[in-house]
Amino acid sequence: MLVMPARRTVSLAAAAALAVGPLGSSAAHGDAPNPSSRAEIVALLSDSIRSLSMQSSASDPRYFSGGAWLSGLDDCFRCNVGPGVAAAAVAATTGDTLALDLATQTFDQAIAAHQTEASDPPPSARPVQTSRR
């Protein structure tokens, strides 16, 4: 089983970008990985998201539940969506329906959480009330 420190889950997003390749850019902006390297990256991402999505034991802090990638750093947005980005890249590259489902749940939950937070900002983020006389 692949075990990754919570901070490293963010690196899945970078590997996902390599797996999918540049979007709308020419070769002059950089070389895309060769097909063999891309296949290796996609396989690594696929194995990683499958491993990270399951809780291996009751004490395992890293797993997927209810649209959230729990890692022990549950207030870290990048840590929580990085595996979802990787799942989206795998789904886009291979058509993997499990990866697509994990990605969809990840972003549905992240958007819902953001909308909830945006509709009720903490007191420090609310506009200052002033009075005019």
N, C-alpha and C. Protein backbone atom coordinates (compact mmCIF):
# COMPACT_ATOMS: atom_id res chain seq x y z
N MET A 1 0.84 -1.19 0.00
CA MET A 1 0.00 0.00 0.00
C MET A 1 0.88 1.24 0.00
N LEU A 2 0.50 2.22 -0.77
CA LEU A 2 1.21 3.49 -0.85
C LEU A 2 0.82 4.36 0.34
N VAL A 3 1.80 4.82 1.09
CA VAL A 3 1.53 5.71 2.21
C VAL A 3 2.20 7.04 1.92
N MET A 4 1.40 8.11 1.96
CA MET A 4 1.93 9.44 1.66
C MET A 4 1.68 10.36 2.83
N PRO A 5 2.65 11.17 3.22
CA PRO A 5 2.38 12.18 4.23
C PRO A 5 1.30 13.13 3.71
N ALA A 6 0.52 13.68 4.61
CA ALA A 6 -0.61 14.54 4.23
C ALA A 6 -0.18 15.68 3.32
N ARG A 7 0.98 16.26 3.55
CA ARG A 7 1.44 17.39 2.75
C ARG A 7 1.73 16.98 1.30
N ARG A 8 2.06 15.73 1.10
CA ARG A 8 2.42 15.28 -0.24
C ARG A 8 1.20 15.07 -1.13
N THR A 9 0.01 15.03 -0.56
CA THR A 9 -1.16 14.83 -1.41
C THR A 9 -1.32 15.98 -2.40
N VAL A 10 -0.80 17.14 -2.06
CA VAL A 10 -0.84 18.28 -2.98
C VAL A 10 -0.04 17.98 -4.23
N SER A 11 1.04 17.21 -4.10
CA SER A 11 1.86 16.90 -5.27
C SER A 11 1.11 16.05 -6.28
N LEU A 12 0.00 15.42 -5.86
CA LEU A 12 -0.82 14.68 -6.81
C LEU A 12 -1.36 15.61 -7.89
N ALA A 13 -1.66 16.83 -7.53
CA ALA A 13 -2.17 17.79 -8.51
C ALA A 13 -1.12 18.08 -9.58
N ALA A 14 0.13 18.19 -9.17
CA ALA A 14 1.20 18.45 -10.14
C ALA A 14 1.38 17.26 -11.06
N ALA A 15 1.34 16.06 -10.50
CA ALA A 15 1.46 14.87 -11.34
C ALA A 15 0.25 14.75 -12.27
N ALA A 16 -0.91 15.17 -11.79
CA ALA A 16 -2.12 15.14 -12.62
C ALA A 16 -1.95 16.03 -13.83
N ALA A 17 -1.35 17.19 -13.64
CA ALA A 17 -1.13 18.10 -14.76
C ALA A 17 -0.21 17.47 -15.80
N LEU A 18 0.78 16.73 -15.35
CA LEU A 18 1.66 16.03 -16.29
C LEU A 18 0.93 14.92 -17.02
N ALA A 19 0.01 14.25 -16.32
CA ALA A 19 -0.71 13.14 -16.93
C ALA A 19 -1.62 13.61 -18.04
N VAL A 20 -2.30 14.71 -17.83
CA VAL A 20 -3.23 15.22 -18.82
C VAL A 20 -2.49 15.96 -19.92
N GLY A 21 -1.41 16.64 -19.57
CA GLY A 21 -0.63 17.38 -20.56
C GLY A 21 -1.10 18.80 -20.67
N PRO A 22 -0.38 19.60 -21.41
CA PRO A 22 -0.73 21.01 -21.54
C PRO A 22 -2.06 21.18 -22.26
N LEU A 23 -2.85 22.10 -21.78
CA LEU A 23 -4.14 22.39 -22.39
C LEU A 23 -4.00 23.61 -23.27
N GLY A 24 -4.18 23.44 -24.56
CA GLY A 24 -4.17 24.56 -25.48
C GLY A 24 -2.83 25.26 -25.63
N SER A 25 -1.74 24.60 -25.29
CA SER A 25 -0.45 25.25 -25.46
C SER A 25 0.34 24.50 -26.53
N SER A 26 1.22 25.19 -27.18
CA SER A 26 2.02 24.57 -28.23
C SER A 26 3.24 23.91 -27.62
N ALA A 27 3.90 23.11 -28.41
CA ALA A 27 5.12 22.43 -27.96
C ALA A 27 6.22 23.43 -27.61
N ALA A 28 6.14 24.63 -28.15
CA ALA A 28 7.14 25.65 -27.86
C ALA A 28 7.15 26.05 -26.40
N HIS A 29 6.03 25.87 -25.72
CA HIS A 29 5.95 26.23 -24.30
C HIS A 29 6.51 25.15 -23.39
N GLY A 30 6.81 24.02 -23.91
CA GLY A 30 7.37 22.95 -23.10
C GLY A 30 6.99 21.61 -23.69
N ASP A 31 7.82 20.64 -23.47
CA ASP A 31 7.56 19.33 -24.02
C ASP A 31 6.63 18.55 -23.09
N ALA A 32 5.63 17.93 -23.69
CA ALA A 32 4.74 17.04 -22.95
C ALA A 32 5.51 15.75 -22.70
N PRO A 33 5.16 15.04 -21.63
CA PRO A 33 5.84 13.78 -21.38
C PRO A 33 5.60 12.81 -22.54
N ASN A 34 6.56 11.93 -22.79
CA ASN A 34 6.37 10.95 -23.85
C ASN A 34 5.29 9.96 -23.41
N PRO A 35 4.69 9.22 -24.34
CA PRO A 35 3.58 8.32 -23.99
C PRO A 35 3.92 7.31 -22.90
N SER A 36 5.15 6.82 -22.89
CA SER A 36 5.55 5.86 -21.86
C SER A 36 5.56 6.51 -20.48
N SER A 37 6.13 7.70 -20.39
CA SER A 37 6.16 8.43 -19.12
C SER A 37 4.75 8.79 -18.67
N ARG A 38 3.93 9.23 -19.61
CA ARG A 38 2.55 9.59 -19.28
C ARG A 38 1.81 8.37 -18.73
N ALA A 39 1.99 7.20 -19.33
CA ALA A 39 1.34 5.98 -18.85
C ALA A 39 1.78 5.65 -17.42
N GLU A 40 3.06 5.84 -17.14
CA GLU A 40 3.57 5.59 -15.79
C GLU A 40 2.96 6.57 -14.79
N ILE A 41 2.85 7.83 -15.17
CA ILE A 41 2.27 8.85 -14.29
C ILE A 41 0.81 8.55 -14.02
N VAL A 42 0.07 8.20 -15.07
CA VAL A 42 -1.35 7.89 -14.91
C VAL A 42 -1.53 6.67 -14.01
N ALA A 43 -0.69 5.65 -14.20
CA ALA A 43 -0.76 4.45 -13.34
C ALA A 43 -0.47 4.80 -11.88
N LEU A 44 0.55 5.64 -11.65
CA LEU A 44 0.87 6.07 -10.29
C LEU A 44 -0.30 6.84 -9.67
N LEU A 45 -0.87 7.76 -10.43
CA LEU A 45 -2.01 8.53 -9.93
C LEU A 45 -3.19 7.62 -9.62
N SER A 46 -3.48 6.71 -10.52
CA SER A 46 -4.61 5.81 -10.33
C SER A 46 -4.42 4.97 -9.06
N ASP A 47 -3.24 4.39 -8.90
CA ASP A 47 -2.96 3.61 -7.69
C ASP A 47 -3.03 4.48 -6.44
N SER A 48 -2.53 5.70 -6.54
CA SER A 48 -2.52 6.61 -5.38
C SER A 48 -3.92 6.99 -4.95
N ILE A 49 -4.79 7.34 -5.90
CA ILE A 49 -6.14 7.75 -5.49
C ILE A 49 -6.92 6.57 -4.96
N ARG A 50 -6.69 5.38 -5.51
CA ARG A 50 -7.38 4.20 -4.97
C ARG A 50 -6.91 3.92 -3.54
N SER A 51 -5.61 4.01 -3.33
CA SER A 51 -5.05 3.78 -2.00
C SER A 51 -5.53 4.83 -1.00
N LEU A 52 -5.48 6.10 -1.42
CA LEU A 52 -5.89 7.18 -0.52
C LEU A 52 -7.39 7.20 -0.27
N SER A 53 -8.17 6.58 -1.15
CA SER A 53 -9.63 6.64 -0.99
C SER A 53 -10.15 5.64 0.02
N MET A 54 -9.34 4.67 0.41
CA MET A 54 -9.80 3.63 1.35
C MET A 54 -9.09 3.76 2.69
N GLN A 55 -9.83 3.58 3.75
CA GLN A 55 -9.24 3.58 5.09
C GLN A 55 -8.71 2.17 5.35
N SER A 56 -7.41 2.03 5.51
CA SER A 56 -6.79 0.71 5.65
C SER A 56 -6.98 0.10 7.03
N SER A 57 -7.21 0.96 8.02
CA SER A 57 -7.45 0.49 9.39
C SER A 57 -8.19 1.59 10.15
N ALA A 58 -8.67 1.25 11.33
CA ALA A 58 -9.41 2.23 12.13
C ALA A 58 -8.55 3.42 12.52
N SER A 59 -7.23 3.24 12.56
CA SER A 59 -6.34 4.33 12.96
C SER A 59 -5.78 5.10 11.76
N ASP A 60 -6.15 4.71 10.54
CA ASP A 60 -5.66 5.38 9.33
C ASP A 60 -6.36 6.73 9.18
N PRO A 61 -5.60 7.85 9.24
CA PRO A 61 -6.24 9.17 9.13
C PRO A 61 -6.46 9.62 7.69
N ARG A 62 -5.97 8.84 6.71
CA ARG A 62 -6.05 9.26 5.30
C ARG A 62 -7.01 8.35 4.54
N TYR A 63 -8.18 8.93 4.17
CA TYR A 63 -9.15 8.19 3.37
C TYR A 63 -10.19 9.17 2.85
N PHE A 64 -11.05 8.67 1.97
CA PHE A 64 -12.10 9.48 1.34
C PHE A 64 -13.43 9.16 2.01
N SER A 65 -14.17 10.20 2.37
CA SER A 65 -15.47 10.00 2.99
C SER A 65 -16.38 11.19 2.70
N GLY A 66 -17.53 10.93 2.11
CA GLY A 66 -18.52 11.98 1.90
C GLY A 66 -18.03 13.16 1.08
N GLY A 67 -17.20 12.91 0.10
CA GLY A 67 -16.70 13.99 -0.74
C GLY A 67 -15.44 14.66 -0.22
N ALA A 68 -14.92 14.20 0.91
CA ALA A 68 -13.73 14.82 1.51
C ALA A 68 -12.59 13.81 1.59
N TRP A 69 -11.41 14.27 1.24
CA TRP A 69 -10.20 13.46 1.38
C TRP A 69 -9.62 13.80 2.74
N LEU A 70 -9.90 12.98 3.71
CA LEU A 70 -9.42 13.22 5.07
C LEU A 70 -7.95 12.85 5.15
N SER A 71 -7.20 13.70 5.83
CA SER A 71 -5.75 13.50 5.87
C SER A 71 -5.13 13.82 7.22
N GLY A 72 -5.92 14.28 8.15
CA GLY A 72 -5.35 14.77 9.40
C GLY A 72 -5.14 16.27 9.35
N LEU A 73 -5.16 16.85 8.15
CA LEU A 73 -5.07 18.30 7.96
C LEU A 73 -6.36 18.75 7.28
N ASP A 74 -7.46 18.50 7.93
CA ASP A 74 -8.75 18.66 7.28
C ASP A 74 -9.16 20.10 7.04
N ASP A 75 -8.39 21.07 7.56
CA ASP A 75 -8.68 22.48 7.26
C ASP A 75 -7.80 23.01 6.14
N CYS A 76 -7.05 22.12 5.49
CA CYS A 76 -6.15 22.49 4.39
C CYS A 76 -6.87 22.22 3.06
N PHE A 77 -7.33 23.30 2.40
CA PHE A 77 -8.08 23.15 1.16
C PHE A 77 -7.29 22.38 0.11
N ARG A 78 -6.03 22.75 -0.10
CA ARG A 78 -5.23 22.07 -1.13
C ARG A 78 -5.05 20.60 -0.82
N CYS A 79 -4.87 20.27 0.47
CA CYS A 79 -4.73 18.86 0.85
C CYS A 79 -6.01 18.09 0.58
N ASN A 80 -7.14 18.76 0.73
CA ASN A 80 -8.42 18.10 0.57
C ASN A 80 -8.84 17.95 -0.88
N VAL A 81 -8.40 18.81 -1.77
CA VAL A 81 -8.81 18.69 -3.18
C VAL A 81 -7.71 18.15 -4.08
N GLY A 82 -6.46 18.10 -3.64
CA GLY A 82 -5.37 17.58 -4.46
C GLY A 82 -5.66 16.19 -5.01
N PRO A 83 -6.07 15.23 -4.17
CA PRO A 83 -6.40 13.91 -4.71
C PRO A 83 -7.59 13.95 -5.67
N GLY A 84 -8.51 14.89 -5.47
CA GLY A 84 -9.63 15.03 -6.39
C GLY A 84 -9.18 15.52 -7.75
N VAL A 85 -8.19 16.40 -7.77
CA VAL A 85 -7.61 16.86 -9.04
C VAL A 85 -6.95 15.67 -9.75
N ALA A 86 -6.22 14.86 -8.99
CA ALA A 86 -5.59 13.67 -9.56
C ALA A 86 -6.65 12.72 -10.11
N ALA A 87 -7.74 12.54 -9.36
CA ALA A 87 -8.82 11.66 -9.82
C ALA A 87 -9.43 12.19 -11.11
N ALA A 88 -9.60 13.50 -11.20
CA ALA A 88 -10.14 14.10 -12.42
C ALA A 88 -9.21 13.87 -13.61
N ALA A 89 -7.90 13.98 -13.38
CA ALA A 89 -6.94 13.75 -14.47
C ALA A 89 -6.98 12.30 -14.93
N VAL A 90 -7.06 11.38 -13.98
CA VAL A 90 -7.14 9.96 -14.34
C VAL A 90 -8.42 9.70 -15.13
N ALA A 91 -9.53 10.24 -14.65
CA ALA A 91 -10.81 10.04 -15.35
C ALA A 91 -10.77 10.61 -16.75
N ALA A 92 -10.19 11.80 -16.90
CA ALA A 92 -10.12 12.44 -18.22
C ALA A 92 -9.20 11.68 -19.17
N THR A 93 -8.17 11.09 -18.62
CA THR A 93 -7.18 10.39 -19.44
C THR A 93 -7.61 8.98 -19.80
N THR A 94 -8.27 8.29 -18.85
CA THR A 94 -8.55 6.86 -19.03
C THR A 94 -10.03 6.52 -19.14
N GLY A 95 -10.90 7.43 -18.72
CA GLY A 95 -12.32 7.11 -18.68
C GLY A 95 -12.72 6.30 -17.46
N ASP A 96 -11.84 6.22 -16.47
CA ASP A 96 -12.08 5.46 -15.24
C ASP A 96 -13.28 6.04 -14.50
N THR A 97 -14.35 5.26 -14.35
CA THR A 97 -15.58 5.77 -13.74
C THR A 97 -15.45 5.97 -12.23
N LEU A 98 -14.63 5.14 -11.55
CA LEU A 98 -14.41 5.35 -10.11
C LEU A 98 -13.69 6.67 -9.89
N ALA A 99 -12.67 6.93 -10.68
CA ALA A 99 -11.93 8.19 -10.56
C ALA A 99 -12.85 9.37 -10.83
N LEU A 100 -13.71 9.25 -11.84
CA LEU A 100 -14.67 10.32 -12.15
C LEU A 100 -15.62 10.56 -10.98
N ASP A 101 -16.10 9.48 -10.37
CA ASP A 101 -17.00 9.62 -9.22
C ASP A 101 -16.29 10.29 -8.05
N LEU A 102 -15.06 9.89 -7.76
CA LEU A 102 -14.29 10.51 -6.66
C LEU A 102 -14.06 11.99 -6.94
N ALA A 103 -13.71 12.33 -8.18
CA ALA A 103 -13.47 13.73 -8.55
C ALA A 103 -14.76 14.54 -8.41
N THR A 104 -15.86 14.00 -8.92
CA THR A 104 -17.15 14.71 -8.85
C THR A 104 -17.56 14.95 -7.41
N GLN A 105 -17.47 13.93 -6.58
CA GLN A 105 -17.82 14.09 -5.16
C GLN A 105 -16.91 15.12 -4.49
N THR A 106 -15.61 15.07 -4.81
CA THR A 106 -14.65 16.01 -4.22
C THR A 106 -15.05 17.45 -4.50
N PHE A 107 -15.31 17.75 -5.77
CA PHE A 107 -15.58 19.14 -6.14
C PHE A 107 -16.99 19.57 -5.78
N ASP A 108 -17.95 18.66 -5.79
CA ASP A 108 -19.29 19.00 -5.31
C ASP A 108 -19.22 19.42 -3.84
N GLN A 109 -18.49 18.66 -3.04
CA GLN A 109 -18.36 18.96 -1.61
C GLN A 109 -17.58 20.25 -1.40
N ALA A 110 -16.49 20.44 -2.14
CA ALA A 110 -15.67 21.65 -1.98
C ALA A 110 -16.45 22.90 -2.36
N ILE A 111 -17.22 22.82 -3.44
CA ILE A 111 -18.04 23.97 -3.86
C ILE A 111 -19.12 24.26 -2.84
N ALA A 112 -19.79 23.22 -2.35
CA ALA A 112 -20.83 23.41 -1.34
C ALA A 112 -20.26 24.03 -0.07
N ALA A 113 -19.09 23.56 0.36
CA ALA A 113 -18.46 24.12 1.56
C ALA A 113 -18.09 25.57 1.34
N HIS A 114 -17.55 25.90 0.17
CA HIS A 114 -17.17 27.28 -0.13
C HIS A 114 -18.41 28.18 -0.16
N GLN A 115 -19.48 27.71 -0.75
CA GLN A 115 -20.70 28.52 -0.82
C GLN A 115 -21.27 28.76 0.57
N THR A 116 -21.19 27.76 1.43
CA THR A 116 -21.66 27.93 2.80
C THR A 116 -20.80 28.94 3.54
N GLU A 117 -19.48 28.83 3.39
CA GLU A 117 -18.56 29.76 4.04
C GLU A 117 -18.75 31.18 3.51
N ALA A 118 -18.98 31.30 2.21
CA ALA A 118 -19.13 32.63 1.59
C ALA A 118 -20.43 33.30 2.03
N SER A 119 -21.47 32.49 2.29
CA SER A 119 -22.74 33.08 2.69
C SER A 119 -22.76 33.49 4.16
N ASP A 120 -21.86 32.93 4.93
CA ASP A 120 -21.79 33.28 6.35
C ASP A 120 -20.33 33.49 6.74
N PRO A 121 -19.73 34.61 6.31
CA PRO A 121 -18.32 34.83 6.60
C PRO A 121 -18.09 35.05 8.10
N PRO A 122 -16.90 34.75 8.56
CA PRO A 122 -16.59 34.99 9.97
C PRO A 122 -16.67 36.48 10.28
N PRO A 123 -16.88 36.84 11.55
CA PRO A 123 -17.01 38.26 11.90
C PRO A 123 -15.86 39.12 11.40
N SER A 124 -14.65 38.59 11.38
CA SER A 124 -13.50 39.39 10.93
C SER A 124 -13.56 39.70 9.43
N ALA A 125 -14.34 38.95 8.67
CA ALA A 125 -14.43 39.18 7.23
C ALA A 125 -15.65 39.98 6.82
N ARG A 126 -16.52 40.29 7.79
CA ARG A 126 -17.72 41.03 7.47
C ARG A 126 -17.39 42.52 7.32
N PRO A 127 -18.16 43.23 6.51
CA PRO A 127 -17.91 44.66 6.36
C PRO A 127 -18.08 45.41 7.68
N VAL A 128 -17.30 46.44 7.81
CA VAL A 128 -17.38 47.27 9.03
C VAL A 128 -18.62 48.15 8.91
N GLN A 129 -19.41 48.15 9.94
CA GLN A 129 -20.62 48.99 9.97
C GLN A 129 -20.25 50.38 10.49
N THR A 130 -20.62 51.39 9.77
CA THR A 130 -20.36 52.75 10.21
C THR A 130 -21.68 53.50 10.24
N SER A 131 -21.71 54.55 11.00
CA SER A 131 -22.92 55.39 11.02
C SER A 131 -22.54 56.79 10.59
N ARG A 132 -23.46 57.45 9.92
CA ARG A 132 -23.21 58.82 9.49
C ARG A 132 -24.22 59.71 10.19
N ARG A 133 -23.78 60.81 10.55
CA ARG A 133 -24.67 61.77 11.22
C ARG A 133 -24.83 62.98 10.41
